[in-house]
Amino acid sequence: MTIQERAEKAVQLKTSGGYNCSQAVTAVLADQTNLTEEQLKQVSAGFCAGMGNQEATCGAIIGVGMIAGLKTEGKGTLKVARSIQETFKDRCGAITCKDLKDVTDGKPLCPCEECVRNAVLIYGEIFGL
């Protein structure tokens, strides 16, 4: 599956109502880890609506950060996480859920579906998928 296909699948999972942003991202990247999709879904369950409904860091970024930590085995993960966050902010305009969902001109800065899509695509760019 290409990274674009993974990104679209993550959007489908998010819009299905059965996955939050973090879960959708971790699910489509499960094969990048030694954990199952179900295990990742459980681990990432509390990271919706900006760090557990606090409107803080976007769950999609948190999900990608979790996968990056597993992929790098914790070695150099901070540098990767910083790159993910900076690229995400450049594309989406913010990294906090509150700011991303802020409605201007009748639409949010970056809808959840776009956050999920961008998070997966950024992971693919960083890890060469």
C-alpha atoms as a PDB file:
ATOM      1  CA  MET A   1       0.000   0.000   0.000  1.00  0.00           C
ATOM      2  CA  THR A   2       1.399   3.403  -0.960  1.00  0.00           C
ATOM      3  CA  ILE A   3       1.647   6.203   1.567  1.00  0.00           C
ATOM      4  CA  GLN A   4      -1.136   8.040  -0.279  1.00  0.00           C
ATOM      5  CA  GLU A   5      -3.368   4.960   0.040  1.00  0.00           C
ATOM      6  CA  ARG A   6      -2.512   4.727   3.731  1.00  0.00           C
ATOM      7  CA  ALA A   7      -3.413   8.389   4.182  1.00  0.00           C
ATOM      8  CA  GLU A   8      -6.781   7.889   2.486  1.00  0.00           C
ATOM      9  CA  LYS A   9      -7.456   4.767   4.552  1.00  0.00           C
ATOM     10  CA  ALA A  10      -6.697   6.749   7.719  1.00  0.00           C
ATOM     11  CA  VAL A  11      -9.234   9.382   6.635  1.00  0.00           C
ATOM     12  CA  GLN A  12     -11.815   6.626   6.025  1.00  0.00           C
ATOM     13  CA  LEU A  13     -11.171   5.142   9.464  1.00  0.00           C
ATOM     14  CA  LYS A  14     -11.530   8.561  11.089  1.00  0.00           C
ATOM     15  CA  THR A  15     -14.777   9.364   9.282  1.00  0.00           C
ATOM     16  CA  SER A  16     -16.201   5.907  10.040  1.00  0.00           C
ATOM     17  CA  GLY A  17     -16.750   6.946  13.652  1.00  0.00           C
ATOM     18  CA  GLY A  18     -14.885   3.937  15.012  1.00  0.00           C
ATOM     19  CA  TYR A  19     -11.467   5.595  15.248  1.00  0.00           C
ATOM     20  CA  ASN A  20     -10.250   8.900  16.621  1.00  0.00           C
ATOM     21  CA  CYS A  21      -7.486  10.847  14.856  1.00  0.00           C
ATOM     22  CA  SER A  22      -4.667   9.173  16.749  1.00  0.00           C
ATOM     23  CA  GLN A  23      -6.140   5.702  16.282  1.00  0.00           C
ATOM     24  CA  ALA A  24      -6.664   6.198  12.545  1.00  0.00           C
ATOM     25  CA  VAL A  25      -3.029   7.184  12.077  1.00  0.00           C
ATOM     26  CA  THR A  26      -1.592   4.372  14.193  1.00  0.00           C
ATOM     27  CA  ALA A  27      -3.854   1.793  12.531  1.00  0.00           C
ATOM     28  CA  VAL A  28      -2.626   2.465   9.007  1.00  0.00           C
ATOM     29  CA  LEU A  29       0.988   2.460  10.160  1.00  0.00           C
ATOM     30  CA  ALA A  30       0.746  -0.636  12.362  1.00  0.00           C
ATOM     31  CA  ASP A  31       2.997  -2.631  10.022  1.00  0.00           C
ATOM     32  CA  GLN A  32       5.794  -0.185  10.855  1.00  0.00           C
ATOM     33  CA  THR A  33       5.846  -1.597  14.398  1.00  0.00           C
ATOM     34  CA  ASN A  34       5.868  -4.893  16.263  1.00  0.00           C
ATOM     35  CA  LEU A  35       2.407  -4.179  17.658  1.00  0.00           C
ATOM     36  CA  THR A  36      -0.921  -5.145  16.166  1.00  0.00           C
ATOM     37  CA  GLU A  37      -3.458  -2.664  14.875  1.00  0.00           C
ATOM     38  CA  GLU A  38      -5.716  -3.531  17.802  1.00  0.00           C
ATOM     39  CA  GLN A  39      -2.935  -2.934  20.348  1.00  0.00           C
ATOM     40  CA  LEU A  40      -2.150   0.423  18.770  1.00  0.00           C
ATOM     41  CA  LYS A  41      -5.831   1.324  18.707  1.00  0.00           C
ATOM     42  CA  GLN A  42      -5.991   0.661  22.436  1.00  0.00           C
ATOM     43  CA  VAL A  43      -2.776   2.553  23.236  1.00  0.00           C
ATOM     44  CA  SER A  44      -3.835   5.603  21.225  1.00  0.00           C
ATOM     45  CA  ALA A  45      -7.474   5.632  22.419  1.00  0.00           C
ATOM     46  CA  GLY A  46      -6.993   8.484  24.902  1.00  0.00           C
ATOM     47  CA  PHE A  47      -5.346  10.908  22.498  1.00  0.00           C
ATOM     48  CA  CYS A  48      -8.329  12.432  20.736  1.00  0.00           C
ATOM     49  CA  ALA A  49      -9.584  16.003  20.785  1.00  0.00           C
ATOM     50  CA  GLY A  50      -6.137  17.343  21.552  1.00  0.00           C
ATOM     51  CA  MET A  51      -4.373  15.230  24.188  1.00  0.00           C
ATOM     52  CA  GLY A  52      -7.414  13.610  25.683  1.00  0.00           C
ATOM     53  CA  ASN A  53     -10.052  16.271  25.107  1.00  0.00           C
ATOM     54  CA  GLN A  54      -7.859  19.161  26.287  1.00  0.00           C
ATOM     55  CA  GLU A  55      -7.706  20.845  22.861  1.00  0.00           C
ATOM     56  CA  ALA A  56      -3.916  20.579  23.053  1.00  0.00           C
ATOM     57  CA  THR A  57      -1.603  18.718  20.640  1.00  0.00           C
ATOM     58  CA  CYS A  58      -3.463  17.161  17.708  1.00  0.00           C
ATOM     59  CA  GLY A  59      -4.063  13.436  18.112  1.00  0.00           C
ATOM     60  CA  ALA A  60      -2.848  12.753  14.576  1.00  0.00           C
ATOM     61  CA  ILE A  61       0.575  14.159  15.489  1.00  0.00           C
ATOM     62  CA  ILE A  62       0.614  12.130  18.693  1.00  0.00           C
ATOM     63  CA  GLY A  63      -0.213   8.968  16.746  1.00  0.00           C
ATOM     64  CA  VAL A  64       2.583   9.551  14.256  1.00  0.00           C
ATOM     65  CA  GLY A  65       4.942  10.316  17.131  1.00  0.00           C
ATOM     66  CA  MET A  66       4.058   6.975  18.750  1.00  0.00           C
ATOM     67  CA  ILE A  67       4.780   5.109  15.526  1.00  0.00           C
ATOM     68  CA  ALA A  68       8.020   7.058  15.024  1.00  0.00           C
ATOM     69  CA  GLY A  69       9.141   6.116  18.531  1.00  0.00           C
ATOM     70  CA  LEU A  70       8.514   2.450  17.840  1.00  0.00           C
ATOM     71  CA  LYS A  71      10.138   2.651  14.395  1.00  0.00           C
ATOM     72  CA  THR A  72      13.290   4.329  15.741  1.00  0.00           C
ATOM     73  CA  GLU A  73      13.297   2.185  18.886  1.00  0.00           C
ATOM     74  CA  GLY A  74      13.546   5.441  20.824  1.00  0.00           C
ATOM     75  CA  LYS A  75      16.849   6.433  19.250  1.00  0.00           C
ATOM     76  CA  GLY A  76      16.690   9.924  17.765  1.00  0.00           C
ATOM     77  CA  THR A  77      12.928  10.053  18.147  1.00  0.00           C
ATOM     78  CA  LEU A  78      12.907  13.594  19.538  1.00  0.00           C
ATOM     79  CA  LYS A  79      14.529  14.917  16.356  1.00  0.00           C
ATOM     80  CA  VAL A  80      12.009  13.018  14.228  1.00  0.00           C
ATOM     81  CA  ALA A  81       9.101  14.229  16.366  1.00  0.00           C
ATOM     82  CA  ARG A  82      10.273  17.812  16.025  1.00  0.00           C
ATOM     83  CA  SER A  83      10.458  17.420  12.252  1.00  0.00           C
ATOM     84  CA  ILE A  84       6.954  15.926  12.179  1.00  0.00           C
ATOM     85  CA  GLN A  85       5.581  18.816  14.240  1.00  0.00           C
ATOM     86  CA  GLU A  86       7.304  21.530  12.215  1.00  0.00           C
ATOM     87  CA  THR A  87       6.192  20.066   8.889  1.00  0.00           C
ATOM     88  CA  PHE A  88       2.660  19.543  10.186  1.00  0.00           C
ATOM     89  CA  LYS A  89       2.477  23.146  11.389  1.00  0.00           C
ATOM     90  CA  ASP A  90       3.694  24.397   8.008  1.00  0.00           C
ATOM     91  CA  ARG A  91       1.000  22.411   6.188  1.00  0.00           C
ATOM     92  CA  CYS A  92      -1.907  22.734   8.577  1.00  0.00           C
ATOM     93  CA  GLY A  93      -1.228  26.105  10.160  1.00  0.00           C
ATOM     94  CA  ALA A  94      -1.065  24.902  13.782  1.00  0.00           C
ATOM     95  CA  ILE A  95      -0.432  21.831  15.928  1.00  0.00           C
ATOM     96  CA  THR A  96      -3.027  22.240  18.660  1.00  0.00           C
ATOM     97  CA  CYS A  97      -6.506  20.864  18.202  1.00  0.00           C
ATOM     98  CA  LYS A  98      -8.046  24.107  19.430  1.00  0.00           C
ATOM     99  CA  ASP A  99      -6.255  26.171  16.785  1.00  0.00           C
ATOM    100  CA  LEU A 100      -6.804  23.604  14.027  1.00  0.00           C
ATOM    101  CA  LYS A 101     -10.545  23.550  14.707  1.00  0.00           C
ATOM    102  CA  ASP A 102     -10.806  27.341  15.014  1.00  0.00           C
ATOM    103  CA  VAL A 103     -13.470  28.384  12.526  1.00  0.00           C
ATOM    104  CA  THR A 104     -12.637  31.290  10.248  1.00  0.00           C
ATOM    105  CA  ASP A 105     -14.715  32.190   7.212  1.00  0.00           C
ATOM    106  CA  GLY A 106     -17.112  29.358   8.032  1.00  0.00           C
ATOM    107  CA  LYS A 107     -14.562  26.518   8.077  1.00  0.00           C
ATOM    108  CA  PRO A 108     -11.882  25.206  10.418  1.00  0.00           C
ATOM    109  CA  LEU A 109      -8.240  26.042   9.843  1.00  0.00           C
ATOM    110  CA  CYS A 110      -7.591  22.354   9.147  1.00  0.00           C
ATOM    111  CA  PRO A 111     -10.352  19.726   9.494  1.00  0.00           C
ATOM    112  CA  CYS A 112      -9.566  16.484  11.327  1.00  0.00           C
ATOM    113  CA  GLU A 113      -9.557  14.528   8.073  1.00  0.00           C
ATOM    114  CA  GLU A 114      -6.826  16.756   6.655  1.00  0.00           C
ATOM    115  CA  CYS A 115      -4.836  16.516   9.889  1.00  0.00           C
ATOM    116  CA  VAL A 116      -4.965  12.716   9.700  1.00  0.00           C
ATOM    117  CA  ARG A 117      -4.053  12.711   6.002  1.00  0.00           C
ATOM    118  CA  ASN A 118      -1.138  15.099   6.506  1.00  0.00           C
ATOM    119  CA  ALA A 119       0.220  13.244   9.529  1.00  0.00           C
ATOM    120  CA  VAL A 120       0.421   9.965   7.572  1.00  0.00           C
ATOM    121  CA  LEU A 121       1.946  11.665   4.521  1.00  0.00           C
ATOM    122  CA  ILE A 122       4.565  13.396   6.661  1.00  0.00           C
ATOM    123  CA  TYR A 123       5.494  10.085   8.282  1.00  0.00           C
ATOM    124  CA  GLY A 124       5.923   8.616   4.804  1.00  0.00           C
ATOM    125  CA  GLU A 125       8.162  11.463   3.714  1.00  0.00           C
ATOM    126  CA  ILE A 126      10.371  11.203   6.782  1.00  0.00           C
ATOM    127  CA  PHE A 127      10.717   7.425   6.665  1.00  0.00           C
ATOM    128  CA  GLY A 128      10.806   7.081   2.873  1.00  0.00           C
ATOM    129  CA  LEU A 129       7.569   5.151   2.366  1.00  0.00           C
END
